[in-house]
């Protein structure tokens, strides 16, 4: 039922436009401090969103729209104008509702499903802070593979798959779950770099290790107030999205073939994100 409801976003957006009026919505959002921190799945979005939401003056959501965002992503990857349509005809109205209902002047989202819509968000909200959230691809692939194993590989990131012309399109059907997840991680950050050129990269690991990094890279540019004490307390709590049990070996223990495949597919993006390439010790 939730999936079915999510597919009604066009109708809901049409009603919102008629009811609210585009000029009213645009004016309110233009005076709202907006930010979007986008990354792949399993890169720490839940932890970061709940951390940033500790500022009582801010409203920070973690993947708040669910199925509409997921439903829009495959077509948005193929068609940037559709992504723009989705933001302009649906997404900005539900953001406006949230801003008005909470009476906030600082609204943000930390999200994976929106990664194919980063360019459309930047186009719709030119004043918004747009950032890329990254986690070491080796750890992300391991975490994603672990989650998919727990689900019996019933949702192997479909329909997020290579588009026509991608060199991996003819190989896709014969690729293993590990290989598909390597490609999925690479594609996430390739897409983000394409859509958000020059935008700052925030390393998840550094937000855990270094409060001053978090403050300089995220808090101060956006205008968020999270104290060092709040950060330390938040780190001490287990994230609700972290794995309880790992069925997948650590990347140091991957086979030589898997390491070679990861380097082939993900090595360039690892370097662009500031992680080591080809290091397995």
Protein backbone atom coordinates (compact mmCIF):
# COMPACT_ATOMS: atom_id res chain seq x y z
CA UNK A 1 0.00 0.00 0.00
CA UNK A 2 2.87 2.39 0.75
CA UNK A 3 4.43 1.66 -2.63
CA UNK A 4 1.09 2.26 -4.35
CA UNK A 5 0.58 5.50 -2.44
CA UNK A 6 4.08 6.62 -3.38
CA UNK A 7 3.24 6.29 -7.07
CA UNK A 8 0.44 8.87 -6.73
CA UNK A 9 2.92 11.75 -6.40
CA UNK A 10 1.81 13.36 -9.68
CA UNK A 11 -1.79 13.65 -8.49
CA UNK A 12 -0.77 14.86 -5.03
CA UNK A 13 1.60 17.41 -6.52
CA UNK A 14 -1.12 18.72 -8.83
CA UNK A 15 -3.48 19.20 -5.90
CA UNK A 16 -0.78 20.95 -3.86
CA UNK A 17 0.02 23.35 -6.72
CA UNK A 18 -3.62 24.30 -7.10
CA UNK A 19 -4.13 24.66 -3.34
CA UNK A 20 -0.93 26.43 -2.30
CA UNK A 21 0.11 28.43 -5.35
CA UNK A 22 3.59 28.30 -6.82
CA UNK A 23 4.54 31.90 -6.03
CA UNK A 24 3.75 31.45 -2.34
CA UNK A 25 5.79 28.25 -2.16
CA UNK A 26 8.76 29.69 -4.05
CA UNK A 27 8.85 32.82 -1.89
CA UNK A 28 8.86 30.88 1.38
CA UNK A 29 11.50 28.41 0.25
CA UNK A 30 13.70 31.21 -1.09
CA UNK A 31 13.90 32.68 2.41
CA UNK A 32 14.47 29.29 4.07
CA UNK A 33 18.01 28.08 4.75
CA UNK A 34 18.03 24.79 2.80
CA UNK A 35 20.65 22.07 2.56
CA UNK A 36 20.93 18.64 0.95
CA UNK A 37 23.66 16.17 1.88
CA UNK A 38 23.49 13.35 -0.67
CA UNK A 39 25.33 10.05 -0.88
CA UNK A 40 25.02 6.37 -1.68
CA UNK A 41 23.13 3.92 0.46
CA UNK A 42 24.97 2.60 3.52
CA UNK A 43 27.20 5.68 3.79
CA UNK A 44 26.00 6.93 7.19
CA UNK A 45 23.02 9.07 6.17
CA UNK A 46 20.88 8.07 9.18
CA UNK A 47 23.65 8.75 11.68
CA UNK A 48 24.46 12.13 10.16
CA UNK A 49 20.85 13.24 9.82
CA UNK A 50 20.03 12.44 13.45
CA UNK A 51 23.22 14.16 14.56
CA UNK A 52 22.42 17.36 12.65
CA UNK A 53 18.85 17.25 13.88
CA UNK A 54 20.12 17.85 17.42
CA UNK A 55 20.04 21.57 16.59
CA UNK A 56 16.63 22.59 17.99
CA UNK A 57 16.34 25.40 15.45
CA UNK A 58 16.67 23.04 12.48
CA UNK A 59 14.54 20.37 10.85
CA UNK A 60 16.73 17.66 9.30
CA UNK A 61 15.07 14.71 7.60
CA UNK A 62 16.47 11.34 6.62
CA UNK A 63 15.07 10.12 3.30
CA UNK A 64 11.66 11.59 4.17
CA UNK A 65 9.66 10.93 0.99
CA UNK A 66 10.49 7.26 0.60
CA UNK A 67 8.75 5.63 -2.35
CA UNK A 68 8.15 8.77 -4.47
CA UNK A 69 11.88 9.52 -4.46
CA UNK A 70 12.76 5.89 -5.18
CA UNK A 71 10.13 5.71 -7.92
CA UNK A 72 11.46 8.85 -9.60
CA UNK A 73 15.13 7.85 -9.50
CA UNK A 74 15.33 5.41 -12.46
CA UNK A 75 13.79 7.87 -14.91
CA UNK A 76 15.72 10.79 -13.41
CA UNK A 77 18.96 8.95 -14.20
CA UNK A 78 17.92 8.83 -17.87
CA UNK A 79 16.23 12.21 -18.18
CA UNK A 80 17.42 15.36 -16.33
CA UNK A 81 14.29 17.24 -17.46
CA UNK A 82 12.11 14.65 -15.76
CA UNK A 83 14.14 15.15 -12.57
CA UNK A 84 13.47 18.88 -12.83
CA UNK A 85 9.77 18.17 -13.37
CA UNK A 86 9.63 15.93 -10.31
CA UNK A 87 11.18 18.59 -8.06
CA UNK A 88 9.13 21.46 -9.48
CA UNK A 89 5.79 19.66 -9.63
CA UNK A 90 5.91 17.59 -6.46
CA UNK A 91 8.96 17.66 -4.24
CA UNK A 92 9.17 21.38 -3.51
CA UNK A 93 5.54 21.41 -2.35
CA UNK A 94 6.04 18.72 0.26
CA UNK A 95 9.21 20.46 1.44
CA UNK A 96 7.19 23.66 1.75
CA UNK A 97 4.56 21.81 3.81
CA UNK A 98 7.24 20.55 6.17
CA UNK A 99 8.83 23.99 6.49
CA UNK A 100 5.49 25.66 7.25
CA UNK A 101 4.24 22.94 9.60
CA UNK A 102 7.43 23.02 11.67
CA UNK A 103 7.87 26.81 11.38
CA UNK A 104 11.54 26.30 10.69
CA UNK A 105 13.94 28.61 8.88
CA UNK A 106 16.57 25.88 8.48
CA UNK A 107 15.53 22.73 6.64
CA UNK A 108 17.77 19.94 5.40
CA UNK A 109 17.78 16.40 4.10
CA UNK A 110 20.45 13.72 4.31
CA UNK A 111 19.51 11.24 1.65
CA UNK A 112 20.54 8.44 -0.67
CA UNK A 113 17.42 8.17 -2.90
CA UNK A 114 17.87 11.78 -4.08
CA UNK A 115 21.33 11.24 -5.52
CA UNK A 116 20.01 11.16 -9.10
CA UNK A 117 18.15 14.42 -8.46
CA UNK A 118 21.04 16.48 -7.10
CA UNK A 119 21.27 18.59 -10.24
CA UNK A 120 17.52 19.22 -10.25
CA UNK A 121 17.61 20.26 -6.58
CA UNK A 122 20.48 22.67 -7.22
CA UNK A 123 18.56 24.11 -10.17
CA UNK A 124 15.34 24.53 -8.18
CA UNK A 125 17.05 25.92 -5.06
CA UNK A 126 20.17 27.82 -6.18
CA UNK A 127 20.67 29.18 -2.64
CA UNK A 128 20.69 25.71 -1.03
CA UNK A 129 23.84 24.17 0.42
CA UNK A 130 24.56 21.05 -1.64
CA UNK A 131 27.11 18.53 -0.31
CA UNK A 132 28.20 14.99 -1.09
CA UNK A 133 28.40 12.49 1.79
CA UNK A 134 30.96 9.74 1.19
CA UNK A 135 32.15 6.64 2.98
CA UNK A 136 35.07 4.41 1.98
CA UNK A 137 33.73 2.32 -0.90
CA UNK A 138 35.20 -0.88 0.51
CA UNK A 139 33.20 -0.46 3.73
CA UNK A 140 30.08 0.65 1.88
CA UNK A 141 30.15 -2.30 -0.52
CA UNK A 142 30.66 -4.70 2.37
CA UNK A 143 27.76 -3.15 4.31
CA UNK A 144 25.44 -3.17 1.29
CA UNK A 145 26.34 -6.76 0.44
CA UNK A 146 25.68 -7.76 4.04
CA UNK A 147 22.25 -6.13 3.97
CA UNK A 148 21.35 -7.71 0.63
CA UNK A 149 22.46 -11.11 1.91
CA UNK A 150 20.05 -10.71 4.82
CA UNK A 151 17.28 -10.03 2.32
CA UNK A 152 18.15 -13.00 0.16
CA UNK A 153 19.23 -10.67 -2.68
CA UNK A 154 15.57 -10.01 -3.51
CA UNK A 155 16.18 -6.32 -4.20
CA UNK A 156 19.53 -6.16 -5.96
CA UNK A 157 19.38 -2.39 -6.49
CA UNK A 158 16.99 -2.80 -9.39
CA UNK A 159 16.00 -0.85 -11.36
CA UNK A 160 19.29 1.00 -10.67
CA UNK A 161 21.35 -0.72 -13.30
CA UNK A 162 23.67 0.33 -16.13
CA UNK A 163 22.01 2.52 -18.75
CA UNK A 164 22.40 1.86 -22.48
CA UNK A 165 25.93 2.71 -23.51
CA UNK A 166 27.45 1.89 -20.13
CA UNK A 167 30.29 -0.64 -20.61
CA UNK A 168 28.75 -2.80 -17.89
CA UNK A 169 25.33 -3.09 -19.59
CA UNK A 170 26.18 -6.26 -21.56
CA UNK A 171 27.88 -7.78 -18.51
CA UNK A 172 25.10 -7.07 -16.00
CA UNK A 173 23.11 -10.32 -16.23
CA UNK A 174 26.21 -12.41 -15.55
CA UNK A 175 27.61 -10.30 -12.72
CA UNK A 176 27.63 -11.55 -9.12
CA UNK A 177 25.87 -9.67 -6.28
CA UNK A 178 29.29 -8.40 -5.14
CA UNK A 179 30.10 -7.09 -8.61
CA UNK A 180 26.71 -5.42 -8.97
CA UNK A 181 27.12 -3.66 -5.64
CA UNK A 182 30.58 -2.44 -6.63
CA UNK A 183 29.04 -0.97 -9.77
CA UNK A 184 26.15 0.51 -7.73
CA UNK A 185 28.59 2.33 -5.43
CA UNK A 186 30.62 3.64 -8.35
CA UNK A 187 27.51 4.81 -10.18
CA UNK A 188 26.21 6.65 -7.11
CA UNK A 189 29.28 8.86 -6.85
CA UNK A 190 29.78 9.18 -10.59
CA UNK A 191 26.23 10.54 -10.71
CA UNK A 192 26.80 12.90 -7.79
CA UNK A 193 30.00 14.31 -9.28
CA UNK A 194 28.25 14.79 -12.62
CA UNK A 195 25.27 16.55 -11.04
CA UNK A 196 27.08 18.54 -8.36
CA UNK A 197 30.47 19.56 -9.77
CA UNK A 198 32.66 21.46 -7.36
CA UNK A 199 30.44 20.79 -4.35
CA UNK A 200 32.20 19.83 -1.09
CA UNK A 201 32.66 16.19 -0.15
CA UNK A 202 32.01 15.26 3.48
CA UNK A 203 33.75 12.09 4.66
CA UNK A 204 31.58 10.09 7.03
CA UNK A 205 34.57 8.62 8.84
CA UNK A 206 35.91 12.09 9.60
CA UNK A 207 32.59 13.21 11.05
CA UNK A 208 32.99 10.36 13.54
CA UNK A 209 36.62 11.06 14.38
CA UNK A 210 36.96 14.82 14.40
CA UNK A 211 34.47 17.35 15.74
CA UNK A 212 36.44 20.25 14.27
CA UNK A 213 36.15 18.64 10.83
CA UNK A 214 32.39 18.30 11.27
CA UNK A 215 32.12 21.89 12.42
CA UNK A 216 34.22 23.36 9.62
CA UNK A 217 32.87 21.13 6.83
CA UNK A 218 29.18 20.91 7.72
CA UNK A 219 27.95 22.84 10.74
CA UNK A 220 29.42 26.30 10.13
CA UNK A 221 28.72 26.51 6.36
CA UNK A 222 25.08 25.60 6.91
CA UNK A 223 24.58 27.47 10.18
CA UNK A 224 23.86 24.46 12.39
CA UNK A 225 24.56 24.42 16.13
CA UNK A 226 25.63 21.03 17.49
CA UNK A 227 27.98 21.09 20.45
CA UNK A 228 31.01 18.89 20.98
CA UNK A 229 29.22 17.27 23.93
CA UNK A 230 26.18 16.44 21.78
CA UNK A 231 28.46 15.00 19.11
CA UNK A 232 30.25 12.79 21.64
CA UNK A 233 26.97 11.56 23.15
CA UNK A 234 25.58 10.80 19.70
CA UNK A 235 28.66 8.81 18.72
CA UNK A 236 28.28 6.66 21.82
CA UNK A 237 24.86 5.48 20.67
CA UNK A 238 24.42 2.72 18.13
CA UNK A 239 22.84 3.90 14.90
CA UNK A 240 19.43 2.38 14.21
CA UNK A 241 20.57 1.52 10.70
CA UNK A 242 23.86 -0.20 11.47
CA UNK A 243 24.28 -3.94 10.97
CA UNK A 244 23.88 -6.11 14.06
CA UNK A 245 25.69 -9.06 12.47
CA UNK A 246 28.14 -9.17 9.57
CA UNK A 247 27.92 -12.26 7.37
CA UNK A 248 30.39 -10.77 4.90
CA UNK A 249 34.13 -10.88 5.61
CA UNK A 250 36.10 -7.67 6.04
CA UNK A 251 37.45 -6.29 2.76
CA UNK A 252 40.99 -7.23 3.82
CA UNK A 253 39.83 -10.85 3.50
CA UNK A 254 38.22 -10.53 0.07
CA UNK A 255 39.52 -12.80 -2.66
CA UNK A 256 42.15 -11.44 -5.01
CA UNK A 257 39.57 -11.54 -7.81
CA UNK A 258 37.10 -9.43 -5.81
CA UNK A 259 39.80 -6.93 -4.87
CA UNK A 260 40.83 -6.64 -8.51
CA UNK A 261 37.22 -6.13 -9.61
CA UNK A 262 36.65 -3.45 -6.98
CA UNK A 263 39.77 -1.60 -8.11
CA UNK A 264 38.70 -1.88 -11.74
CA UNK A 265 35.23 -0.48 -11.13
CA UNK A 266 35.63 1.78 -8.10
CA UNK A 267 39.29 2.79 -8.06
CA UNK A 268 38.92 6.08 -9.94
CA UNK A 269 36.00 7.23 -7.79
CA UNK A 270 37.87 6.22 -4.64
CA UNK A 271 40.68 8.58 -5.66
CA UNK A 272 38.30 11.41 -6.56
CA UNK A 273 36.65 11.09 -3.16
CA UNK A 274 40.00 11.15 -1.38
CA UNK A 275 40.29 7.47 -0.40
CA UNK A 276 43.29 5.21 -1.13
CA UNK A 277 43.24 3.18 -4.32
CA UNK A 278 44.54 -0.35 -4.41
CA UNK A 279 45.38 -0.56 -0.69
CA UNK A 280 44.23 -3.72 1.05
CA UNK A 281 46.26 -3.84 4.26
